[in-house]
Amino acid sequence: MTSKIKQGMHLRQPESSSDGGWVLRMLAAMLACGALLILAIFPGIAYWAANLLGFMSPINFVYVVIIFLLLAKQFFMSIKLSQLDSKVRILTEQVALNEEKVERDKLDL
C-alpha cells in the first residue's frame, strides 16, 4: 500500500471518455427540435401557454423558452468543463509523480 501511495496511485483514476453522455445530449437536442416543430405546426399551443403565463405575444414566450434552454445548456457545459479540468489536473499530477519516480530510479542505479 505504501508503494502505491509513493507512486501516486492513491489519486482517483480518470473515468473513461465513453460515458454515453453524447446520447443524452443528442436526445435533448432532438426533444428541443421536436418541441419547436410542434409549436410551428400547432401555434395554438404557443398562444395558450403565452396567455397562461401572462406574455403579451406568443413569440415572446418562444424566445423566453429558447433563452432558458440555451442557459441550461451553457450551465451543463460549464459543469462538464469543470469535470474535464479536474481530470487534467489529476493526470498532470500523475505524470509528475511518475516522472519523479523515474528520476529517483535513475539516481538509485
C-alpha atoms as a PDB file:
ATOM      1  CA  MET A   1       0.000   0.000   0.000  1.00  0.00           C
ATOM      2  CA  THR A   2       2.763   2.462   0.813  1.00  0.00           C
ATOM      3  CA  SER A   3       4.385   1.831  -2.557  1.00  0.00           C
ATOM      4  CA  LYS A   4       1.087   2.707  -4.232  1.00  0.00           C
ATOM      5  CA  ILE A   5       0.940   5.957  -2.286  1.00  0.00           C
ATOM      6  CA  LYS A   6       4.506   6.767  -3.270  1.00  0.00           C
ATOM      7  CA  GLN A   7       3.691   6.109  -6.905  1.00  0.00           C
ATOM      8  CA  GLY A   8       0.657   8.374  -6.818  1.00  0.00           C
ATOM      9  CA  MET A   9      -1.879   5.589  -7.203  1.00  0.00           C
ATOM     10  CA  HIS A  10      -3.942   6.989  -4.358  1.00  0.00           C
ATOM     11  CA  LEU A  11      -5.248   9.628  -6.746  1.00  0.00           C
ATOM     12  CA  ARG A  12      -8.589   8.966  -8.371  1.00  0.00           C
ATOM     13  CA  GLN A  13      -8.191   7.326 -11.749  1.00  0.00           C
ATOM     14  CA  PRO A  14      -9.755   9.260 -14.633  1.00  0.00           C
ATOM     15  CA  GLU A  15     -13.032   7.932 -15.931  1.00  0.00           C
ATOM     16  CA  SER A  16     -13.333   6.614 -19.457  1.00  0.00           C
ATOM     17  CA  SER A  17     -14.450   9.032 -22.136  1.00  0.00           C
ATOM     18  CA  SER A  18     -17.143   6.654 -23.408  1.00  0.00           C
ATOM     19  CA  ASP A  19     -19.637   7.598 -20.710  1.00  0.00           C
ATOM     20  CA  GLY A  20     -22.638   7.724 -23.042  1.00  0.00           C
ATOM     21  CA  GLY A  21     -23.295  11.403 -22.309  1.00  0.00           C
ATOM     22  CA  TRP A  22     -23.439  12.106 -26.021  1.00  0.00           C
ATOM     23  CA  VAL A  23     -26.628  10.039 -26.224  1.00  0.00           C
ATOM     24  CA  LEU A  24     -28.347  12.229 -23.644  1.00  0.00           C
ATOM     25  CA  ARG A  25     -27.204  15.397 -25.401  1.00  0.00           C
ATOM     26  CA  MET A  26     -28.482  14.059 -28.721  1.00  0.00           C
ATOM     27  CA  LEU A  27     -31.838  13.118 -27.211  1.00  0.00           C
ATOM     28  CA  ALA A  28     -32.160  16.534 -25.578  1.00  0.00           C
ATOM     29  CA  ALA A  29     -31.433  18.276 -28.888  1.00  0.00           C
ATOM     30  CA  MET A  30     -33.957  16.085 -30.688  1.00  0.00           C
ATOM     31  CA  LEU A  31     -36.546  16.786 -27.994  1.00  0.00           C
ATOM     32  CA  ALA A  32     -35.987  20.547 -28.288  1.00  0.00           C
ATOM     33  CA  CYS A  33     -36.264  20.375 -32.087  1.00  0.00           C
ATOM     34  CA  GLY A  34     -39.402  18.298 -31.783  1.00  0.00           C
ATOM     35  CA  ALA A  35     -40.949  20.785 -29.356  1.00  0.00           C
ATOM     36  CA  LEU A  36     -40.211  23.679 -31.712  1.00  0.00           C
ATOM     37  CA  LEU A  37     -41.651  21.705 -34.625  1.00  0.00           C
ATOM     38  CA  ILE A  38     -44.840  21.036 -32.652  1.00  0.00           C
ATOM     39  CA  LEU A  39     -45.088  24.732 -31.805  1.00  0.00           C
ATOM     40  CA  ALA A  40     -44.690  25.565 -35.517  1.00  0.00           C
ATOM     41  CA  ILE A  41     -47.341  23.057 -36.592  1.00  0.00           C
ATOM     42  CA  PHE A  42     -49.777  23.896 -33.791  1.00  0.00           C
ATOM     43  CA  PRO A  43     -49.335  27.602 -32.933  1.00  0.00           C
ATOM     44  CA  GLY A  44     -52.380  27.450 -30.674  1.00  0.00           C
ATOM     45  CA  ILE A  45     -50.189  25.782 -28.044  1.00  0.00           C
ATOM     46  CA  ALA A  46     -47.873  28.802 -28.014  1.00  0.00           C
ATOM     47  CA  TYR A  47     -50.849  31.191 -27.756  1.00  0.00           C
ATOM     48  CA  TRP A  48     -52.338  29.155 -24.911  1.00  0.00           C
ATOM     49  CA  ALA A  49     -49.030  28.974 -22.982  1.00  0.00           C
ATOM     50  CA  ALA A  50     -48.346  32.686 -23.558  1.00  0.00           C
ATOM     51  CA  ASN A  51     -51.774  33.648 -22.228  1.00  0.00           C
ATOM     52  CA  LEU A  52     -51.426  31.259 -19.306  1.00  0.00           C
ATOM     53  CA  LEU A  53     -48.069  32.734 -18.266  1.00  0.00           C
ATOM     54  CA  GLY A  54     -49.008  36.345 -19.000  1.00  0.00           C
ATOM     55  CA  PHE A  55     -46.900  37.087 -22.069  1.00  0.00           C
ATOM     56  CA  MET A  56     -48.107  39.781 -24.446  1.00  0.00           C
ATOM     57  CA  SER A  57     -47.402  37.711 -27.568  1.00  0.00           C
ATOM     58  CA  PRO A  58     -46.564  34.073 -28.202  1.00  0.00           C
ATOM     59  CA  ILE A  59     -43.240  34.877 -29.850  1.00  0.00           C
ATOM     60  CA  ASN A  60     -42.039  36.394 -26.579  1.00  0.00           C
ATOM     61  CA  PHE A  61     -42.922  33.113 -24.872  1.00  0.00           C
ATOM     62  CA  VAL A  62     -40.979  31.147 -27.511  1.00  0.00           C
ATOM     63  CA  TYR A  63     -37.982  33.484 -27.100  1.00  0.00           C
ATOM     64  CA  VAL A  64     -38.005  33.014 -23.314  1.00  0.00           C
ATOM     65  CA  VAL A  65     -38.168  29.232 -23.681  1.00  0.00           C
ATOM     66  CA  ILE A  66     -35.270  29.233 -26.168  1.00  0.00           C
ATOM     67  CA  ILE A  67     -33.195  31.538 -23.951  1.00  0.00           C
ATOM     68  CA  PHE A  68     -33.897  29.276 -20.970  1.00  0.00           C
ATOM     69  CA  LEU A  69     -32.806  26.194 -22.939  1.00  0.00           C
ATOM     70  CA  LEU A  70     -29.602  27.935 -24.040  1.00  0.00           C
ATOM     71  CA  LEU A  71     -28.815  28.993 -20.471  1.00  0.00           C
ATOM     72  CA  ALA A  72     -29.424  25.455 -19.223  1.00  0.00           C
ATOM     73  CA  LYS A  73     -27.138  24.070 -21.928  1.00  0.00           C
ATOM     74  CA  GLN A  74     -24.439  26.590 -21.009  1.00  0.00           C
ATOM     75  CA  PHE A  75     -24.760  25.611 -17.341  1.00  0.00           C
ATOM     76  CA  PHE A  76     -24.300  21.910 -18.103  1.00  0.00           C
ATOM     77  CA  MET A  77     -21.401  22.642 -20.440  1.00  0.00           C
ATOM     78  CA  SER A  78     -19.774  24.606 -17.628  1.00  0.00           C
ATOM     79  CA  ILE A  79     -20.165  21.610 -15.306  1.00  0.00           C
ATOM     80  CA  LYS A  80     -18.592  19.318 -17.921  1.00  0.00           C
ATOM     81  CA  LEU A  81     -15.720  21.781 -18.403  1.00  0.00           C
ATOM     82  CA  SER A  82     -15.063  21.785 -14.654  1.00  0.00           C
ATOM     83  CA  GLN A  83     -15.021  17.981 -14.618  1.00  0.00           C
ATOM     84  CA  LEU A  84     -12.571  17.889 -17.526  1.00  0.00           C
ATOM     85  CA  ASP A  85     -10.386  20.493 -15.838  1.00  0.00           C
ATOM     86  CA  SER A  86     -10.277  18.305 -12.744  1.00  0.00           C
ATOM     87  CA  LYS A  87      -9.303  15.286 -14.865  1.00  0.00           C
ATOM     88  CA  VAL A  88      -6.484  17.267 -16.491  1.00  0.00           C
ATOM     89  CA  ARG A  89      -5.205  18.317 -13.073  1.00  0.00           C
ATOM     90  CA  ILE A  90      -5.263  14.726 -11.819  1.00  0.00           C
ATOM     91  CA  LEU A  91      -3.477  13.450 -14.923  1.00  0.00           C
ATOM     92  CA  THR A  92      -0.861  16.190 -14.613  1.00  0.00           C
ATOM     93  CA  GLU A  93      -0.215  15.188 -11.016  1.00  0.00           C
ATOM     94  CA  GLN A  94       0.089  11.530 -12.012  1.00  0.00           C
ATOM     95  CA  VAL A  95       2.570  12.356 -14.791  1.00  0.00           C
ATOM     96  CA  ALA A  96       4.637  14.480 -12.414  1.00  0.00           C
ATOM     97  CA  LEU A  97       4.720  11.699  -9.816  1.00  0.00           C
ATOM     98  CA  ASN A  98       5.676   9.134 -12.452  1.00  0.00           C
ATOM     99  CA  GLU A  99       8.469  11.369 -13.764  1.00  0.00           C
ATOM    100  CA  GLU A 100       9.742  11.863 -10.215  1.00  0.00           C
ATOM    101  CA  LYS A 101       9.727   8.088  -9.688  1.00  0.00           C
ATOM    102  CA  VAL A 102      11.724   7.586 -12.906  1.00  0.00           C
ATOM    103  CA  GLU A 103      14.239  10.213 -11.792  1.00  0.00           C
ATOM    104  CA  ARG A 104      14.594   8.516  -8.400  1.00  0.00           C
ATOM    105  CA  ASP A 105      15.087   5.150 -10.053  1.00  0.00           C
ATOM    106  CA  LYS A 106      17.825   6.613 -12.254  1.00  0.00           C
ATOM    107  CA  LEU A 107      19.611   8.055  -9.210  1.00  0.00           C
ATOM    108  CA  ASP A 108      19.350   4.753  -7.315  1.00  0.00           C
ATOM    109  CA  LEU A 109      21.127   2.881 -10.105  1.00  0.00           C
END
